[in-house]
Amino acid sequence: LRERVQYLKTNDEGVLEMCRISDEIREEGREEGREETKLADLRSVMRNMGVSVQRALDVLAVPESERAHYESLLQNRSAES
C-alpha cells in the first residue's frame, strides 16, 4: 500500500492517474447533483401545479431520451417513502 501511494504521489504517471481518477469522481458528483436537482424540480412542479409526471417533464423540457429514467427514479423514490 505504501509503495502504491508513493507511486501515485511522486511518479509523473501516478500523478496523472490520480488526476484522471479525481476528475472522474468530480464529474460523477456533478451528474448526481444535476439529477437530484431535476428530481426536486419535477416534484415541485407536480406538487405546486398539481400535474402529472408527464406534464412536469413537459414543463421542465426534459428531453425524450431522459424521460423514462426520471419516471423510473420518481416511482422508485416514491415507493421508498
Protein backbone atom coordinates (compact mmCIF):
# COMPACT_ATOMS: atom_id res chain seq x y z
CA LEU A 1 0.00 0.00 0.00
CA ARG A 2 2.80 2.38 0.92
CA GLU A 3 4.53 1.73 -2.42
CA ARG A 4 1.33 2.37 -4.36
CA VAL A 5 0.68 5.64 -2.53
CA GLN A 6 4.27 6.72 -3.12
CA TYR A 7 3.88 5.94 -6.83
CA LEU A 8 0.65 7.94 -7.08
CA LYS A 9 2.15 10.92 -5.27
CA THR A 10 5.62 11.14 -6.78
CA ASN A 11 5.71 9.41 -10.17
CA ASP A 12 4.54 11.58 -13.09
CA GLU A 13 2.37 8.76 -14.45
CA GLY A 14 0.96 8.13 -10.99
CA VAL A 15 0.10 11.80 -10.55
CA LEU A 16 -1.66 11.81 -13.94
CA GLU A 17 -3.59 8.70 -12.93
CA MET A 18 -4.73 10.34 -9.70
CA CYS A 19 -5.78 13.47 -11.60
CA ARG A 20 -7.83 11.36 -14.01
CA ILE A 21 -9.49 9.49 -11.14
CA SER A 22 -10.23 12.75 -9.31
CA ASP A 23 -11.78 14.22 -12.46
CA GLU A 24 -13.99 11.14 -12.89
CA ILE A 25 -15.18 11.33 -9.28
CA ARG A 26 -15.87 15.06 -9.59
CA GLU A 27 -17.88 14.56 -12.80
CA GLU A 28 -19.90 11.74 -11.22
CA GLY A 29 -20.74 14.07 -8.34
CA ARG A 30 -21.84 16.80 -10.72
CA GLU A 31 -24.06 14.38 -12.63
CA GLU A 32 -25.63 13.14 -9.41
CA GLY A 33 -26.20 16.72 -8.30
CA ARG A 34 -27.89 17.61 -11.58
CA GLU A 35 -30.06 14.52 -11.32
CA GLU A 36 -31.11 15.31 -7.74
CA THR A 37 -31.90 18.90 -8.72
CA LYS A 38 -34.01 17.76 -11.66
CA LEU A 39 -35.91 15.32 -9.43
CA ALA A 40 -36.57 18.06 -6.88
CA ASP A 41 -37.75 20.38 -9.66
CA LEU A 42 -40.07 17.70 -11.05
CA ARG A 43 -41.58 17.04 -7.61
CA SER A 44 -42.04 20.76 -7.06
CA VAL A 45 -43.82 21.26 -10.38
CA MET A 46 -46.03 18.24 -9.75
CA ARG A 47 -46.94 19.41 -6.24
CA ASN A 48 -47.35 23.14 -6.92
CA MET A 49 -49.11 22.86 -10.25
CA GLY A 50 -50.98 19.65 -9.44
CA VAL A 51 -49.87 17.99 -12.66
CA SER A 52 -48.81 14.51 -13.72
CA VAL A 53 -45.25 13.33 -14.15
CA GLN A 54 -45.65 13.63 -17.92
CA ARG A 55 -46.80 17.24 -17.69
CA ALA A 56 -43.98 18.11 -15.27
CA LEU A 57 -41.50 16.59 -17.72
CA ASP A 58 -43.03 18.78 -20.44
CA VAL A 59 -42.92 21.92 -18.30
CA LEU A 60 -39.24 21.38 -17.49
CA ALA A 61 -38.47 20.42 -21.11
CA VAL A 62 -36.81 17.15 -20.15
CA PRO A 63 -35.54 15.53 -23.35
CA GLU A 64 -37.34 12.40 -24.56
CA SER A 65 -34.14 10.41 -24.14
CA GLU A 66 -34.15 11.11 -20.37
CA ARG A 67 -37.85 10.84 -19.56
CA ALA A 68 -38.01 7.11 -18.82
CA HIS A 69 -35.03 7.47 -16.50
CA TYR A 70 -36.68 10.23 -14.46
CA GLU A 71 -40.06 8.50 -14.43
CA SER A 72 -38.36 5.41 -13.02
CA LEU A 73 -36.49 7.40 -10.38
CA LEU A 74 -39.67 9.18 -9.31
CA GLN A 75 -41.56 5.90 -8.99
CA ASN A 76 -38.73 4.19 -7.09
CA ARG A 77 -38.21 7.10 -4.71
CA SER A 78 -41.93 7.50 -4.00
CA ALA A 79 -42.21 3.76 -3.32
CA GLU A 80 -39.36 4.09 -0.80
CA SER A 81 -41.16 6.84 1.10
